């Protein structure tokens, strides 16, 4: 058993990030979200976004802060 897994997921925020991305005023693709993250200095690609949303990838605190900045939400709202 993995200590860091939560219901077979490696993060708590993936589902919320997907909801925010799809509900964004212009409905961002995973690639467009990755581009926005890169513009603020966070090096993610489309595949990383996909793995985060599926819960297959851990998310760092720096990445969480970037997602909150891109979506204009608090860190609590991501979790």
PDB file of N, CA and C in Angstrom:
ATOM      1  N   UNK A   1       0.837  -1.195   0.000  1.00  0.00           N
ATOM      2  CA  UNK A   1       0.000   0.000   0.000  1.00  0.00           C
ATOM      3  C   UNK A   1       0.873   1.246   0.000  1.00  0.00           C
ATOM      4  N   UNK A   2       0.474   2.225  -0.786  1.00  0.00           N
ATOM      5  CA  UNK A   2       1.210   3.472  -0.877  1.00  0.00           C
ATOM      6  C   UNK A   2       0.734   4.447   0.190  1.00  0.00           C
ATOM      7  N   UNK A   3       1.671   5.113   0.831  1.00  0.00           N
ATOM      8  CA  UNK A   3       1.312   6.089   1.856  1.00  0.00           C
ATOM      9  C   UNK A   3       0.684   7.344   1.259  1.00  0.00           C
ATOM     10  N   UNK A   4       1.060   7.686   0.048  1.00  0.00           N
ATOM     11  CA  UNK A   4       0.623   8.945  -0.549  1.00  0.00           C
ATOM     12  C   UNK A   4      -0.617   8.826  -1.415  1.00  0.00           C
ATOM     13  N   UNK A   5      -1.149   7.645  -1.566  1.00  0.00           N
ATOM     14  CA  UNK A   5      -2.297   7.482  -2.456  1.00  0.00           C
ATOM     15  C   UNK A   5      -3.605   7.740  -1.728  1.00  0.00           C
ATOM     16  N   UNK A   6      -4.507   8.381  -2.422  1.00  0.00           N
ATOM     17  CA  UNK A   6      -5.831   8.677  -1.914  1.00  0.00           C
ATOM     18  C   UNK A   6      -6.828   8.120  -2.925  1.00  0.00           C
ATOM     19  N   UNK A   7      -7.426   6.976  -2.598  1.00  0.00           N
ATOM     20  CA  UNK A   7      -8.373   6.337  -3.519  1.00  0.00           C
ATOM     21  C   UNK A   7      -7.746   6.137  -4.895  1.00  0.00           C
ATOM     22  N   UNK A   8      -6.544   5.598  -4.930  1.00  0.00           N
ATOM     23  CA  UNK A   8      -5.804   5.313  -6.164  1.00  0.00           C
ATOM     24  C   UNK A   8      -5.439   6.554  -6.960  1.00  0.00           C
ATOM     25  N   UNK A   9      -5.356   7.693  -6.307  1.00  0.00           N
ATOM     26  CA  UNK A   9      -4.945   8.918  -6.981  1.00  0.00           C
ATOM     27  C   UNK A   9      -3.721   9.484  -6.262  1.00  0.00           C
ATOM     28  N   UNK A  10      -2.884  10.163  -7.036  1.00  0.00           N
ATOM     29  CA  UNK A  10      -1.673  10.767  -6.493  1.00  0.00           C
ATOM     30  C   UNK A  10      -1.839  12.247  -6.166  1.00  0.00           C
ATOM     31  N   UNK A  11      -3.035  12.783  -6.310  1.00  0.00           N
ATOM     32  CA  UNK A  11      -3.278  14.177  -5.943  1.00  0.00           C
ATOM     33  C   UNK A  11      -4.748  14.354  -5.571  1.00  0.00           C
ATOM     34  N   UNK A  12      -5.023  15.451  -4.907  1.00  0.00           N
ATOM     35  CA  UNK A  12      -6.397  15.779  -4.513  1.00  0.00           C
ATOM     36  C   UNK A  12      -7.032  16.809  -5.439  1.00  0.00           C
ATOM     37  N   UNK A  13      -6.221  17.459  -6.261  1.00  0.00           N
ATOM     38  CA  UNK A  13      -6.690  18.621  -7.015  1.00  0.00           C
ATOM     39  C   UNK A  13      -7.011  18.345  -8.478  1.00  0.00           C
ATOM     40  N   UNK A  14      -6.704  17.168  -8.987  1.00  0.00           N
ATOM     41  CA  UNK A  14      -6.868  16.901 -10.419  1.00  0.00           C
ATOM     42  C   UNK A  14      -8.284  17.091 -10.935  1.00  0.00           C
ATOM     43  N   UNK A  15      -9.251  16.571 -10.192  1.00  0.00           N
ATOM     44  CA  UNK A  15     -10.648  16.718 -10.630  1.00  0.00           C
ATOM     45  C   UNK A  15     -11.056  18.187 -10.662  1.00  0.00           C
ATOM     46  N   UNK A  16     -10.632  18.937  -9.652  1.00  0.00           N
ATOM     47  CA  UNK A  16     -10.986  20.359  -9.576  1.00  0.00           C
ATOM     48  C   UNK A  16     -10.316  21.153 -10.694  1.00  0.00           C
ATOM     49  N   UNK A  17      -9.074  20.813 -11.010  1.00  0.00           N
ATOM     50  CA  UNK A  17      -8.374  21.502 -12.100  1.00  0.00           C
ATOM     51  C   UNK A  17      -9.101  21.249 -13.415  1.00  0.00           C
ATOM     52  N   UNK A  18      -9.550  20.014 -13.642  1.00  0.00           N
ATOM     53  CA  UNK A  18     -10.316  19.703 -14.861  1.00  0.00           C
ATOM     54  C   UNK A  18     -11.599  20.536 -14.903  1.00  0.00           C
ATOM     55  N   UNK A  19     -12.317  20.600 -13.776  1.00  0.00           N
ATOM     56  CA  UNK A  19     -13.558  21.386 -13.726  1.00  0.00           C
ATOM     57  C   UNK A  19     -13.297  22.851 -14.048  1.00  0.00           C
ATOM     58  N   UNK A  20     -12.249  23.408 -13.455  1.00  0.00           N
ATOM     59  CA  UNK A  20     -11.934  24.813 -13.688  1.00  0.00           C
ATOM     60  C   UNK A  20     -11.511  25.051 -15.134  1.00  0.00           C
ATOM     61  N   UNK A  21     -10.720  24.138 -15.685  1.00  0.00           N
ATOM     62  CA  UNK A  21     -10.267  24.280 -17.076  1.00  0.00           C
ATOM     63  C   UNK A  21     -11.452  24.240 -18.033  1.00  0.00           C
ATOM     64  N   UNK A  22     -12.356  23.295 -17.826  1.00  0.00           N
ATOM     65  CA  UNK A  22     -13.511  23.165 -18.720  1.00  0.00           C
ATOM     66  C   UNK A  22     -14.532  24.278 -18.510  1.00  0.00           C
ATOM     67  N   UNK A  23     -14.560  24.851 -17.312  1.00  0.00           N
ATOM     68  CA  UNK A  23     -15.493  25.925 -17.030  1.00  0.00           C
ATOM     69  C   UNK A  23     -14.919  27.309 -17.256  1.00  0.00           C
ATOM     70  N   UNK A  24     -13.669  27.380 -17.687  1.00  0.00           N
ATOM     71  CA  UNK A  24     -13.022  28.659 -17.963  1.00  0.00           C
ATOM     72  C   UNK A  24     -13.831  29.382 -19.028  1.00  0.00           C
ATOM     73  N   UNK A  25     -13.906  30.705 -18.973  1.00  0.00           N
ATOM     74  CA  UNK A  25     -14.739  31.438 -19.932  1.00  0.00           C
ATOM     75  C   UNK A  25     -14.525  31.041 -21.400  1.00  0.00           C
ATOM     76  N   UNK A  26     -13.296  30.701 -21.757  1.00  0.00           N
ATOM     77  CA  UNK A  26     -13.034  30.304 -23.143  1.00  0.00           C
ATOM     78  C   UNK A  26     -12.772  28.806 -23.269  1.00  0.00           C
ATOM     79  N   UNK A  27     -13.126  28.015 -22.272  1.00  0.00           N
ATOM     80  CA  UNK A  27     -12.912  26.557 -22.217  1.00  0.00           C
ATOM     81  C   UNK A  27     -11.532  26.175 -22.743  1.00  0.00           C
ATOM     82  N   UNK A  28     -10.574  26.141 -21.853  1.00  0.00           N
ATOM     83  CA  UNK A  28      -9.190  25.844 -22.208  1.00  0.00           C
ATOM     84  C   UNK A  28      -8.988  24.370 -22.548  1.00  0.00           C
ATOM     85  N   UNK A  29      -8.173  24.115 -23.543  1.00  0.00           N
ATOM     86  CA  UNK A  29      -7.718  22.749 -23.787  1.00  0.00           C
ATOM     87  C   UNK A  29      -6.579  22.477 -22.801  1.00  0.00           C
ATOM     88  N   UNK A  30      -6.203  21.231 -22.691  1.00  0.00           N
ATOM     89  CA  UNK A  30      -5.076  20.905 -21.815  1.00  0.00           C
ATOM     90  C   UNK A  30      -3.806  21.589 -22.321  1.00  0.00           C
ATOM     91  N   UNK A  31      -3.645  21.650 -23.627  1.00  0.00           N
ATOM     92  CA  UNK A  31      -2.475  22.324 -24.198  1.00  0.00           C
ATOM     93  C   UNK A  31      -2.486  23.822 -23.886  1.00  0.00           C
ATOM     94  N   UNK A  32      -3.650  24.452 -23.986  1.00  0.00           N
ATOM     95  CA  UNK A  32      -3.748  25.888 -23.699  1.00  0.00           C
ATOM     96  C   UNK A  32      -3.458  26.159 -22.225  1.00  0.00           C
ATOM     97  N   UNK A  33      -3.917  25.273 -21.340  1.00  0.00           N
ATOM     98  CA  UNK A  33      -3.610  25.433 -19.917  1.00  0.00           C
ATOM     99  C   UNK A  33      -2.113  25.294 -19.684  1.00  0.00           C
ATOM    100  N   UNK A  34      -1.489  24.322 -20.334  1.00  0.00           N
ATOM    101  CA  UNK A  34      -0.037  24.151 -20.206  1.00  0.00           C
ATOM    102  C   UNK A  34       0.688  25.404 -20.696  1.00  0.00           C
ATOM    103  N   UNK A  35       0.211  25.990 -21.788  1.00  0.00           N
ATOM    104  CA  UNK A  35       0.809  27.219 -22.313  1.00  0.00           C
ATOM    105  C   UNK A  35       0.690  28.352 -21.304  1.00  0.00           C
ATOM    106  N   UNK A  36      -0.479  28.493 -20.673  1.00  0.00           N
ATOM    107  CA  UNK A  36      -0.676  29.543 -19.668  1.00  0.00           C
ATOM    108  C   UNK A  36       0.250  29.325 -18.468  1.00  0.00           C
ATOM    109  N   UNK A  37       0.424  28.079 -18.076  1.00  0.00           N
ATOM    110  CA  UNK A  37       1.320  27.777 -16.959  1.00  0.00           C
ATOM    111  C   UNK A  37       2.762  28.126 -17.338  1.00  0.00           C
ATOM    112  N   UNK A  38       3.154  27.839 -18.573  1.00  0.00           N
ATOM    113  CA  UNK A  38       4.507  28.159 -19.006  1.00  0.00           C
ATOM    114  C   UNK A  38       4.743  29.667 -19.038  1.00  0.00           C
ATOM    115  N   UNK A  39       3.704  30.423 -19.375  1.00  0.00           N
ATOM    116  CA  UNK A  39       3.839  31.885 -19.397  1.00  0.00           C
ATOM    117  C   UNK A  39       4.129  32.467 -18.022  1.00  0.00           C
ATOM    118  N   UNK A  40       3.709  31.766 -16.963  1.00  0.00           N
ATOM    119  CA  UNK A  40       4.000  32.261 -15.610  1.00  0.00           C
ATOM    120  C   UNK A  40       5.197  31.536 -14.996  1.00  0.00           C
ATOM    121  N   UNK A  41       5.930  30.778 -15.834  1.00  0.00           N
ATOM    122  CA  UNK A  41       7.185  30.183 -15.393  1.00  0.00           C
ATOM    123  C   UNK A  41       7.100  28.772 -14.853  1.00  0.00           C
ATOM    124  N   UNK A  42       5.986  28.084 -15.093  1.00  0.00           N
ATOM    125  CA  UNK A  42       5.830  26.712 -14.616  1.00  0.00           C
ATOM    126  C   UNK A  42       5.854  25.790 -15.834  1.00  0.00           C
ATOM    127  N   UNK A  43       6.884  24.963 -15.903  1.00  0.00           N
ATOM    128  CA  UNK A  43       7.127  24.140 -17.086  1.00  0.00           C
ATOM    129  C   UNK A  43       6.306  22.858 -17.045  1.00  0.00           C
ATOM    130  N   UNK A  44       5.116  22.919 -17.619  1.00  0.00           N
ATOM    131  CA  UNK A  44       4.245  21.759 -17.762  1.00  0.00           C
ATOM    132  C   UNK A  44       3.862  21.634 -19.228  1.00  0.00           C
ATOM    133  N   UNK A  45       3.666  20.398 -19.671  1.00  0.00           N
ATOM    134  CA  UNK A  45       3.163  20.195 -21.025  1.00  0.00           C
ATOM    135  C   UNK A  45       1.775  19.566 -20.958  1.00  0.00           C
ATOM    136  N   UNK A  46       1.168  19.352 -22.110  1.00  0.00           N
ATOM    137  CA  UNK A  46      -0.182  18.801 -22.182  1.00  0.00           C
ATOM    138  C   UNK A  46      -0.271  17.449 -21.481  1.00  0.00           C
ATOM    139  N   UNK A  47       0.743  16.628 -21.631  1.00  0.00           N
ATOM    140  CA  UNK A  47       0.733  15.310 -21.010  1.00  0.00           C
ATOM    141  C   UNK A  47       0.758  15.404 -19.487  1.00  0.00           C
ATOM    142  N   UNK A  48       1.491  16.356 -18.954  1.00  0.00           N
ATOM    143  CA  UNK A  48       1.526  16.547 -17.501  1.00  0.00           C
ATOM    144  C   UNK A  48       0.150  16.982 -16.996  1.00  0.00           C
ATOM    145  N   UNK A  49      -0.513  17.875 -17.721  1.00  0.00           N
ATOM    146  CA  UNK A  49      -1.858  18.314 -17.343  1.00  0.00           C
ATOM    147  C   UNK A  49      -2.810  17.115 -17.346  1.00  0.00           C
ATOM    148  N   UNK A  50      -2.706  16.278 -18.372  1.00  0.00           N
ATOM    149  CA  UNK A  50      -3.565  15.101 -18.460  1.00  0.00           C
ATOM    150  C   UNK A  50      -3.330  14.172 -17.263  1.00  0.00           C
ATOM    151  N   UNK A  51      -2.071  13.927 -16.912  1.00  0.00           N
ATOM    152  CA  UNK A  51      -1.762  13.033 -15.791  1.00  0.00           C
ATOM    153  C   UNK A  51      -2.224  13.633 -14.461  1.00  0.00           C
ATOM    154  N   UNK A  52      -2.137  14.955 -14.327  1.00  0.00           N
ATOM    155  CA  UNK A  52      -2.626  15.615 -13.112  1.00  0.00           C
ATOM    156  C   UNK A  52      -4.130  15.439 -13.004  1.00  0.00           C
ATOM    157  N   UNK A  53      -4.846  15.715 -14.086  1.00  0.00           N
ATOM    158  CA  UNK A  53      -6.305  15.619 -14.059  1.00  0.00           C
ATOM    159  C   UNK A  53      -6.785  14.191 -13.798  1.00  0.00           C
ATOM    160  N   UNK A  54      -6.033  13.209 -14.253  1.00  0.00           N
ATOM    161  CA  UNK A  54      -6.404  11.802 -14.019  1.00  0.00           C
ATOM    162  C   UNK A  54      -5.950  11.298 -12.659  1.00  0.00           C
ATOM    163  N   UNK A  55      -5.173  12.103 -11.950  1.00  0.00           N
ATOM    164  CA  UNK A  55      -4.682  11.691 -10.640  1.00  0.00           C
ATOM    165  C   UNK A  55      -3.465  10.798 -10.689  1.00  0.00           C
ATOM    166  N   UNK A  56      -2.810  10.710 -11.836  1.00  0.00           N
ATOM    167  CA  UNK A  56      -1.645   9.845 -11.982  1.00  0.00           C
ATOM    168  C   UNK A  56      -0.333  10.544 -11.640  1.00  0.00           C
ATOM    169  N   UNK A  57      -0.374  11.863 -11.462  1.00  0.00           N
ATOM    170  CA  UNK A  57       0.848  12.637 -11.221  1.00  0.00           C
ATOM    171  C   UNK A  57       0.698  13.455  -9.946  1.00  0.00           C
ATOM    172  N   UNK A  58       1.779  13.476  -9.176  1.00  0.00           N
ATOM    173  CA  UNK A  58       1.811  14.348  -8.005  1.00  0.00           C
ATOM    174  C   UNK A  58       1.871  15.800  -8.476  1.00  0.00           C
ATOM    175  N   UNK A  59       1.389  16.718  -7.655  1.00  0.00           N
ATOM    176  CA  UNK A  59       1.408  18.148  -7.967  1.00  0.00           C
ATOM    177  C   UNK A  59       2.210  18.854  -6.884  1.00  0.00           C
ATOM    178  N   UNK A  60       3.181  19.659  -7.292  1.00  0.00           N
ATOM    179  CA  UNK A  60       4.002  20.378  -6.317  1.00  0.00           C
ATOM    180  C   UNK A  60       3.262  21.612  -5.815  1.00  0.00           C
ATOM    181  N   UNK A  61       3.734  22.142  -4.712  1.00  0.00           N
ATOM    182  CA  UNK A  61       3.117  23.348  -4.171  1.00  0.00           C
ATOM    183  C   UNK A  61       3.288  24.529  -5.124  1.00  0.00           C
ATOM    184  N   UNK A  62       4.397  24.584  -5.828  1.00  0.00           N
ATOM    185  CA  UNK A  62       4.631  25.667  -6.792  1.00  0.00           C
ATOM    186  C   UNK A  62       3.626  25.566  -7.946  1.00  0.00           C
ATOM    187  N   UNK A  63       3.367  24.339  -8.398  1.00  0.00           N
ATOM    188  CA  UNK A  63       2.382  24.142  -9.466  1.00  0.00           C
ATOM    189  C   UNK A  63       0.986  24.504  -8.986  1.00  0.00           C
ATOM    190  N   UNK A  64       0.643  24.140  -7.742  1.00  0.00           N
ATOM    191  CA  UNK A  64      -0.662  24.515  -7.181  1.00  0.00           C
ATOM    192  C   UNK A  64      -0.833  26.022  -7.178  1.00  0.00           C
ATOM    193  N   UNK A  65       0.221  26.723  -6.763  1.00  0.00           N
ATOM    194  CA  UNK A  65       0.162  28.184  -6.740  1.00  0.00           C
ATOM    195  C   UNK A  65      -0.057  28.723  -8.158  1.00  0.00           C
ATOM    196  N   UNK A  66       0.605  28.121  -9.134  1.00  0.00           N
ATOM    197  CA  UNK A  66       0.425  28.537 -10.531  1.00  0.00           C
ATOM    198  C   UNK A  66      -0.989  28.309 -11.023  1.00  0.00           C
ATOM    199  N   UNK A  67      -1.556  27.137 -10.713  1.00  0.00           N
ATOM    200  CA  UNK A  67      -2.940  26.864 -11.117  1.00  0.00           C
ATOM    201  C   UNK A  67      -3.891  27.878 -10.476  1.00  0.00           C
ATOM    202  N   UNK A  68      -3.661  28.196  -9.207  1.00  0.00           N
ATOM    203  CA  UNK A  68      -4.546  29.157  -8.545  1.00  0.00           C
ATOM    204  C   UNK A  68      -4.444  30.529  -9.202  1.00  0.00           C
ATOM    205  N   UNK A  69      -3.240  30.884  -9.649  1.00  0.00           N
ATOM    206  CA  UNK A  69      -3.040  32.169 -10.328  1.00  0.00           C
ATOM    207  C   UNK A  69      -3.734  32.178 -11.690  1.00  0.00           C
ATOM    208  N   UNK A  70      -3.566  31.118 -12.458  1.00  0.00           N
ATOM    209  CA  UNK A  70      -4.175  31.045 -13.793  1.00  0.00           C
ATOM    210  C   UNK A  70      -5.698  31.092 -13.708  1.00  0.00           C
ATOM    211  N   UNK A  71      -6.268  30.352 -12.751  1.00  0.00           N
ATOM    212  CA  UNK A  71      -7.722  30.275 -12.637  1.00  0.00           C
ATOM    213  C   UNK A  71      -8.315  31.382 -11.773  1.00  0.00           C
ATOM    214  N   UNK A  72      -7.482  32.128 -11.072  1.00  0.00           N
ATOM    215  CA  UNK A  72      -7.981  33.201 -10.211  1.00  0.00           C
ATOM    216  C   UNK A  72      -8.781  32.673  -9.021  1.00  0.00           C
ATOM    217  N   UNK A  73      -8.327  31.567  -8.448  1.00  0.00           N
ATOM    218  CA  UNK A  73      -8.988  30.973  -7.285  1.00  0.00           C
ATOM    219  C   UNK A  73      -7.972  30.800  -6.172  1.00  0.00           C
ATOM    220  N   UNK A  74      -8.465  30.566  -4.969  1.00  0.00           N
ATOM    221  CA  UNK A  74      -7.559  30.344  -3.836  1.00  0.00           C
ATOM    222  C   UNK A  74      -7.025  28.916  -3.877  1.00  0.00           C
ATOM    223  N   UNK A  75      -5.960  28.691  -3.150  1.00  0.00           N
ATOM    224  CA  UNK A  75      -5.397  27.339  -3.058  1.00  0.00           C
ATOM    225  C   UNK A  75      -6.423  26.387  -2.448  1.00  0.00           C
ATOM    226  N   UNK A  76      -7.189  26.861  -1.491  1.00  0.00           N
ATOM    227  CA  UNK A  76      -8.225  26.017  -0.874  1.00  0.00           C
ATOM    228  C   UNK A  76      -9.246  25.535  -1.899  1.00  0.00           C
ATOM    229  N   UNK A  77      -9.566  26.387  -2.868  1.00  0.00           N
ATOM    230  CA  UNK A  77     -10.550  26.004  -3.880  1.00  0.00           C
ATOM    231  C   UNK A  77     -10.032  24.917  -4.819  1.00  0.00           C
ATOM    232  N   UNK A  78      -8.720  24.771  -4.905  1.00  0.00           N
ATOM    233  CA  UNK A  78      -8.142  23.708  -5.730  1.00  0.00           C
ATOM    234  C   UNK A  78      -8.212  22.357  -5.023  1.00  0.00           C
ATOM    235  N   UNK A  79      -8.245  22.404  -3.719  1.00  0.00           N
ATOM    236  CA  UNK A  79      -8.253  21.157  -2.953  1.00  0.00           C
ATOM    237  C   UNK A  79      -9.655  20.785  -2.544  1.00  0.00           C
TER     238      UNK A  79
END
